[in-house]
Amino acid sequence: MDFYNALALLLVAAAAFAYLNHRFLRMPSAIGLMGLGLVASLGLVGITYVVVFSIIGQGLTIGPLVRWLGVGASAKTSRRPTHPTA
């Protein structure tokens, strides 16, 4: 994911959380956004936990999922800029 896309996703999530806080929770903005961010991150961790252990529980390996996500991509296939060594 490019930096621009990650920034846009973060901005959309913050706007959605601010709307939910203003409409339903009515907490101060900093506290409401922090709480919704905490709930969202714990939810993502829980979903990841369930998905990964259901894959392992079925006898499948996690390797194809890691390759699909591109977590173990080498420096040659990565889209990150390389810095010259001095």
N, C-alpha and C. Protein backbone atom coordinates (compact mmCIF):
# COMPACT_ATOMS: atom_id res chain seq x y z
N MET A 1 0.84 -1.17 0.00
CA MET A 1 0.00 0.00 0.00
C MET A 1 0.89 1.23 0.00
N ASP A 2 0.61 2.10 -0.91
CA ASP A 2 1.40 3.32 -1.00
C ASP A 2 1.10 4.25 0.16
N PHE A 3 1.99 5.20 0.37
CA PHE A 3 1.83 6.16 1.45
C PHE A 3 0.55 6.97 1.29
N TYR A 4 0.26 7.38 0.06
CA TYR A 4 -0.93 8.18 -0.22
C TYR A 4 -2.20 7.41 0.11
N ASN A 5 -2.26 6.14 -0.26
CA ASN A 5 -3.43 5.32 0.03
C ASN A 5 -3.59 5.09 1.54
N ALA A 6 -2.49 4.85 2.23
CA ALA A 6 -2.54 4.66 3.68
C ALA A 6 -3.02 5.94 4.37
N LEU A 7 -2.55 7.07 3.91
CA LEU A 7 -2.97 8.34 4.48
C LEU A 7 -4.46 8.59 4.23
N ALA A 8 -4.93 8.28 3.03
CA ALA A 8 -6.35 8.44 2.72
C ALA A 8 -7.21 7.50 3.56
N LEU A 9 -6.77 6.27 3.75
CA LEU A 9 -7.51 5.33 4.57
C LEU A 9 -7.56 5.79 6.02
N LEU A 10 -6.47 6.30 6.53
CA LEU A 10 -6.43 6.82 7.90
C LEU A 10 -7.36 8.02 8.06
N LEU A 11 -7.39 8.90 7.07
CA LEU A 11 -8.26 10.07 7.13
C LEU A 11 -9.73 9.68 7.09
N VAL A 12 -10.09 8.73 6.25
CA VAL A 12 -11.47 8.25 6.17
C VAL A 12 -11.89 7.58 7.47
N ALA A 13 -11.00 6.77 8.04
CA ALA A 13 -11.31 6.11 9.31
C ALA A 13 -11.50 7.14 10.42
N ALA A 14 -10.65 8.15 10.48
CA ALA A 14 -10.78 9.18 11.50
C ALA A 14 -12.09 9.96 11.34
N ALA A 15 -12.47 10.25 10.10
CA ALA A 15 -13.73 10.96 9.87
C ALA A 15 -14.92 10.11 10.26
N ALA A 16 -14.87 8.82 9.95
CA ALA A 16 -15.97 7.91 10.32
C ALA A 16 -16.07 7.79 11.84
N PHE A 17 -14.93 7.68 12.51
CA PHE A 17 -14.93 7.59 13.97
C PHE A 17 -15.45 8.89 14.59
N ALA A 18 -15.07 10.03 14.02
CA ALA A 18 -15.55 11.32 14.54
C ALA A 18 -17.06 11.43 14.37
N TYR A 19 -17.58 10.97 13.25
CA TYR A 19 -19.03 11.00 13.04
C TYR A 19 -19.74 10.10 14.04
N LEU A 20 -19.23 8.87 14.22
CA LEU A 20 -19.85 7.95 15.18
C LEU A 20 -19.81 8.51 16.60
N ASN A 21 -18.71 9.14 16.94
CA ASN A 21 -18.59 9.74 18.26
C ASN A 21 -19.59 10.89 18.42
N HIS A 22 -19.68 11.74 17.44
CA HIS A 22 -20.58 12.89 17.53
C HIS A 22 -22.04 12.45 17.54
N ARG A 23 -22.37 11.46 16.75
CA ARG A 23 -23.77 11.04 16.60
C ARG A 23 -24.25 10.17 17.75
N PHE A 24 -23.43 9.22 18.20
CA PHE A 24 -23.90 8.22 19.15
C PHE A 24 -23.26 8.33 20.54
N LEU A 25 -21.96 8.49 20.62
CA LEU A 25 -21.28 8.45 21.91
C LEU A 25 -21.34 9.77 22.66
N ARG A 26 -21.22 10.87 21.95
CA ARG A 26 -21.23 12.22 22.51
C ARG A 26 -20.18 12.41 23.60
N MET A 27 -19.02 11.86 23.37
CA MET A 27 -17.89 12.06 24.28
C MET A 27 -17.04 13.21 23.74
N PRO A 28 -16.12 13.75 24.55
CA PRO A 28 -15.17 14.72 23.99
C PRO A 28 -14.41 14.08 22.82
N SER A 29 -14.07 14.89 21.83
CA SER A 29 -13.56 14.34 20.58
C SER A 29 -12.29 13.50 20.76
N ALA A 30 -11.36 13.95 21.58
CA ALA A 30 -10.11 13.20 21.75
C ALA A 30 -10.37 11.84 22.41
N ILE A 31 -11.24 11.83 23.41
CA ILE A 31 -11.52 10.59 24.12
C ILE A 31 -12.32 9.64 23.23
N GLY A 32 -13.31 10.16 22.52
CA GLY A 32 -14.12 9.32 21.64
C GLY A 32 -13.31 8.70 20.51
N LEU A 33 -12.45 9.50 19.88
CA LEU A 33 -11.62 8.97 18.79
C LEU A 33 -10.63 7.94 19.31
N MET A 34 -10.06 8.18 20.48
CA MET A 34 -9.12 7.21 21.06
C MET A 34 -9.84 5.91 21.38
N GLY A 35 -11.02 6.01 21.96
CA GLY A 35 -11.78 4.81 22.30
C GLY A 35 -12.20 4.02 21.07
N LEU A 36 -12.69 4.70 20.05
CA LEU A 36 -13.09 4.00 18.83
C LEU A 36 -11.88 3.41 18.11
N GLY A 37 -10.75 4.12 18.14
CA GLY A 37 -9.53 3.56 17.55
C GLY A 37 -9.06 2.32 18.28
N LEU A 38 -9.18 2.34 19.61
CA LEU A 38 -8.81 1.17 20.41
C LEU A 38 -9.71 -0.01 20.10
N VAL A 39 -11.01 0.23 20.02
CA VAL A 39 -11.96 -0.85 19.71
C VAL A 39 -11.71 -1.40 18.31
N ALA A 40 -11.43 -0.52 17.34
CA ALA A 40 -11.17 -0.97 15.98
C ALA A 40 -9.89 -1.80 15.90
N SER A 41 -8.84 -1.37 16.58
CA SER A 41 -7.58 -2.12 16.52
C SER A 41 -7.71 -3.47 17.21
N LEU A 42 -8.41 -3.51 18.35
CA LEU A 42 -8.63 -4.79 19.02
C LEU A 42 -9.50 -5.71 18.17
N GLY A 43 -10.46 -5.12 17.47
CA GLY A 43 -11.29 -5.92 16.56
C GLY A 43 -10.47 -6.52 15.43
N LEU A 44 -9.56 -5.73 14.86
CA LEU A 44 -8.71 -6.27 13.79
C LEU A 44 -7.77 -7.36 14.30
N VAL A 45 -7.24 -7.18 15.50
CA VAL A 45 -6.39 -8.21 16.08
C VAL A 45 -7.19 -9.48 16.31
N GLY A 46 -8.41 -9.34 16.80
CA GLY A 46 -9.26 -10.51 17.03
C GLY A 46 -9.63 -11.23 15.74
N ILE A 47 -9.96 -10.46 14.70
CA ILE A 47 -10.28 -11.07 13.41
C ILE A 47 -9.06 -11.79 12.85
N THR A 48 -7.90 -11.17 12.95
CA THR A 48 -6.68 -11.82 12.46
C THR A 48 -6.41 -13.10 13.23
N TYR A 49 -6.59 -13.07 14.54
CA TYR A 49 -6.39 -14.25 15.38
C TYR A 49 -7.31 -15.38 14.93
N VAL A 50 -8.58 -15.07 14.72
CA VAL A 50 -9.55 -16.10 14.31
C VAL A 50 -9.22 -16.64 12.94
N VAL A 51 -8.89 -15.77 11.99
CA VAL A 51 -8.60 -16.21 10.62
C VAL A 51 -7.35 -17.07 10.57
N VAL A 52 -6.27 -16.62 11.22
CA VAL A 52 -5.02 -17.36 11.17
C VAL A 52 -5.17 -18.72 11.83
N PHE A 53 -5.79 -18.79 12.99
CA PHE A 53 -5.91 -20.07 13.67
C PHE A 53 -6.95 -20.98 13.04
N SER A 54 -7.90 -20.43 12.30
CA SER A 54 -8.81 -21.30 11.56
C SER A 54 -8.09 -21.91 10.36
N ILE A 55 -7.19 -21.14 9.74
CA ILE A 55 -6.40 -21.68 8.63
C ILE A 55 -5.48 -22.78 9.13
N ILE A 56 -4.80 -22.53 10.26
CA ILE A 56 -3.90 -23.54 10.81
C ILE A 56 -4.69 -24.74 11.30
N GLY A 57 -5.87 -24.52 11.88
CA GLY A 57 -6.69 -25.61 12.37
C GLY A 57 -7.20 -26.53 11.28
N GLN A 58 -7.31 -26.02 10.06
CA GLN A 58 -7.74 -26.84 8.93
C GLN A 58 -6.59 -27.63 8.33
N GLY A 59 -5.41 -27.46 8.87
CA GLY A 59 -4.25 -28.19 8.36
C GLY A 59 -3.55 -27.47 7.22
N LEU A 60 -3.96 -26.27 6.93
CA LEU A 60 -3.32 -25.50 5.87
C LEU A 60 -2.12 -24.76 6.44
N THR A 61 -1.21 -24.41 5.59
CA THR A 61 -0.04 -23.66 6.05
C THR A 61 -0.28 -22.18 5.84
N ILE A 62 0.43 -21.39 6.56
CA ILE A 62 0.28 -19.94 6.51
C ILE A 62 1.14 -19.33 5.40
N GLY A 63 2.03 -20.11 4.78
CA GLY A 63 2.93 -19.60 3.75
C GLY A 63 2.24 -18.91 2.59
N PRO A 64 1.21 -19.53 1.97
CA PRO A 64 0.54 -18.85 0.86
C PRO A 64 -0.08 -17.51 1.26
N LEU A 65 -0.62 -17.43 2.46
CA LEU A 65 -1.20 -16.18 2.93
C LEU A 65 -0.12 -15.11 3.09
N VAL A 66 1.01 -15.49 3.62
CA VAL A 66 2.11 -14.53 3.80
C VAL A 66 2.63 -14.06 2.46
N ARG A 67 2.76 -14.98 1.50
CA ARG A 67 3.21 -14.59 0.16
C ARG A 67 2.19 -13.67 -0.51
N TRP A 68 0.89 -13.96 -0.31
CA TRP A 68 -0.15 -13.13 -0.92
C TRP A 68 -0.13 -11.72 -0.34
N LEU A 69 0.12 -11.61 0.97
CA LEU A 69 0.20 -10.30 1.60
C LEU A 69 1.47 -9.55 1.25
N GLY A 70 2.50 -10.27 0.81
CA GLY A 70 3.75 -9.64 0.43
C GLY A 70 4.61 -9.26 1.63
N VAL A 71 4.40 -9.94 2.76
CA VAL A 71 5.15 -9.61 3.97
C VAL A 71 6.62 -9.95 3.81
N GLY A 72 6.92 -11.08 3.19
CA GLY A 72 8.30 -11.51 3.07
C GLY A 72 8.92 -11.17 1.73
N ALA A 73 8.45 -10.10 1.09
CA ALA A 73 8.97 -9.74 -0.23
C ALA A 73 10.43 -9.32 -0.13
N SER A 74 11.19 -9.71 -1.11
CA SER A 74 12.60 -9.34 -1.12
C SER A 74 12.75 -7.89 -1.55
N ALA A 75 13.94 -7.36 -1.40
CA ALA A 75 14.19 -5.96 -1.73
C ALA A 75 14.02 -5.70 -3.22
N LYS A 76 14.25 -6.70 -4.06
CA LYS A 76 14.12 -6.50 -5.50
C LYS A 76 12.66 -6.38 -5.93
N THR A 77 11.75 -7.08 -5.25
CA THR A 77 10.35 -7.03 -5.64
C THR A 77 9.57 -5.98 -4.87
N SER A 78 10.18 -5.38 -3.89
CA SER A 78 9.50 -4.37 -3.09
C SER A 78 9.42 -3.06 -3.86
N ARG A 79 8.33 -2.31 -3.63
CA ARG A 79 8.17 -1.02 -4.28
C ARG A 79 8.74 0.11 -3.44
N ARG A 80 9.37 -0.22 -2.34
CA ARG A 80 9.96 0.81 -1.50
C ARG A 80 11.21 1.35 -2.17
N PRO A 81 11.44 2.65 -2.05
CA PRO A 81 12.67 3.20 -2.66
C PRO A 81 13.89 2.72 -1.91
N THR A 82 14.93 2.48 -2.66
CA THR A 82 16.18 2.04 -2.04
C THR A 82 17.06 3.25 -1.81
N HIS A 83 17.77 3.24 -0.70
CA HIS A 83 18.66 4.34 -0.38
C HIS A 83 20.09 3.94 -0.74
N PRO A 84 20.81 4.81 -1.40
CA PRO A 84 22.19 4.46 -1.75
C PRO A 84 23.06 4.38 -0.51
N THR A 85 23.94 3.42 -0.52
CA THR A 85 24.87 3.30 0.60
C THR A 85 26.08 4.15 0.32
N ALA A 86 26.53 4.87 1.30
CA ALA A 86 27.65 5.79 1.09
C ALA A 86 28.96 5.12 1.39
